[in-house]
Amino acid sequence: MKTDTKTAEFYKRLKSQLETDTSWPSIYLYKFIVPANLEKIAEIEAIFDGTNTEIKTRDSSKGTYTSLSIKVKMDTPDTVIQKYIEVSKVEGVISL
């Protein structure tokens, strides 16, 4: 329960910061780290399917993790947060 409260507070702060610092719609850069597993990468890519995205991947030096940088035009801070919530459901993902 405590984690849910912390997560809600994080998203509330993020929304406030995005509303203050950015004019919308805007290009937003997401960064994620996932275990080097093609299925996990495909899950994240599917979340952004249908949007005009630029996705770059890079494997870690030992090949155990893959970083994803995703540039996408988002309409509002709420849509940015919604994508973070969707991606957080992928097992093993770390949002940066």
Protein backbone atom coordinates (compact mmCIF):
# COMPACT_ATOMS: atom_id res chain seq x y z
CA MET A 1 0.00 0.00 0.00
CA LYS A 2 2.85 2.37 0.81
CA THR A 3 4.36 1.84 -2.64
CA ASP A 4 1.04 2.77 -4.26
CA THR A 5 1.00 6.03 -2.31
CA LYS A 6 4.59 6.80 -3.31
CA THR A 7 3.80 6.01 -6.93
CA ALA A 8 0.73 8.24 -6.91
CA GLU A 9 2.75 11.07 -5.35
CA PHE A 10 5.50 10.61 -7.96
CA TYR A 11 3.01 10.86 -10.84
CA LYS A 12 1.35 13.88 -9.25
CA ARG A 13 4.73 15.67 -9.01
CA LEU A 14 5.63 14.64 -12.55
CA LYS A 15 2.33 15.97 -13.91
CA SER A 16 2.83 19.28 -12.12
CA GLN A 17 6.37 19.59 -13.44
CA LEU A 18 5.31 18.75 -17.00
CA GLU A 19 2.48 21.30 -16.87
CA THR A 20 4.86 23.98 -15.63
CA ASP A 21 7.91 23.30 -17.80
CA THR A 22 6.46 22.21 -21.14
CA SER A 23 3.97 23.55 -23.67
CA TRP A 24 1.69 20.84 -25.03
CA PRO A 25 1.57 18.99 -27.37
CA SER A 26 5.28 18.24 -27.16
CA ILE A 27 7.93 15.64 -27.98
CA TYR A 28 8.65 13.53 -24.88
CA LEU A 29 11.61 11.23 -24.36
CA TYR A 30 10.98 8.05 -22.38
CA LYS A 31 13.89 5.95 -21.17
CA PHE A 32 13.55 2.39 -19.94
CA ILE A 33 15.85 -0.49 -19.05
CA VAL A 34 14.62 -4.07 -19.45
CA PRO A 35 16.22 -7.50 -19.25
CA ALA A 36 17.67 -8.36 -22.69
CA ASN A 37 14.61 -10.30 -23.78
CA LEU A 38 12.99 -9.74 -27.17
CA GLU A 39 9.53 -10.41 -25.74
CA LYS A 40 9.91 -7.67 -23.10
CA ILE A 41 11.18 -5.21 -25.70
CA ALA A 42 8.28 -6.12 -28.00
CA GLU A 43 5.80 -5.56 -25.13
CA ILE A 44 7.09 -2.03 -24.63
CA GLU A 45 7.16 -1.29 -28.35
CA ALA A 46 3.54 -2.51 -28.61
CA ILE A 47 2.47 0.03 -25.98
CA PHE A 48 3.67 2.79 -28.30
CA ASP A 49 2.32 1.12 -31.45
CA GLY A 50 0.16 3.39 -33.56
CA THR A 51 2.03 6.50 -32.47
CA ASN A 52 4.72 8.22 -34.49
CA THR A 53 7.68 7.12 -32.37
CA GLU A 54 11.40 6.94 -32.72
CA ILE A 55 12.70 3.97 -30.75
CA LYS A 56 16.39 3.34 -30.15
CA THR A 57 17.73 0.31 -28.33
CA ARG A 58 21.14 -0.34 -26.89
CA ASP A 59 22.42 -3.49 -25.21
CA SER A 60 24.46 -3.35 -22.01
CA SER A 61 28.14 -4.29 -22.20
CA LYS A 62 27.45 -7.79 -20.88
CA GLY A 63 24.26 -8.14 -22.92
CA THR A 64 22.02 -8.75 -19.91
CA TYR A 65 19.98 -5.56 -20.26
CA THR A 66 18.64 -3.41 -23.07
CA SER A 67 17.95 0.30 -22.81
CA LEU A 68 15.14 1.82 -24.83
CA SER A 69 14.91 5.51 -25.69
CA ILE A 70 11.51 6.38 -27.08
CA LYS A 71 10.73 9.81 -28.56
CA VAL A 72 7.07 10.43 -29.17
CA LYS A 73 4.76 13.41 -29.57
CA MET A 74 2.38 13.49 -26.61
CA ASP A 75 -0.69 15.69 -26.24
CA THR A 76 -0.82 16.26 -22.49
CA PRO A 77 0.99 15.39 -19.26
CA ASP A 78 -1.79 12.89 -18.56
CA THR A 79 -0.97 10.95 -21.74
CA VAL A 80 2.71 10.89 -20.74
CA ILE A 81 1.83 9.42 -17.35
CA GLN A 82 -0.60 6.92 -18.88
CA LYS A 83 2.22 5.44 -20.98
CA TYR A 84 4.46 5.19 -17.90
CA ILE A 85 1.68 3.30 -16.10
CA GLU A 86 1.21 0.93 -19.06
CA VAL A 87 4.95 0.24 -19.33
CA SER A 88 5.26 -0.32 -15.56
CA LYS A 89 3.14 -3.46 -16.00
CA VAL A 90 5.93 -5.09 -18.05
CA GLU A 91 7.84 -7.37 -15.70
CA GLY A 92 11.40 -6.27 -14.94
CA VAL A 93 11.19 -2.80 -16.52
CA ILE A 94 12.97 0.16 -14.92
CA SER A 95 11.77 3.65 -15.87
CA LEU A 96 14.37 6.37 -15.86
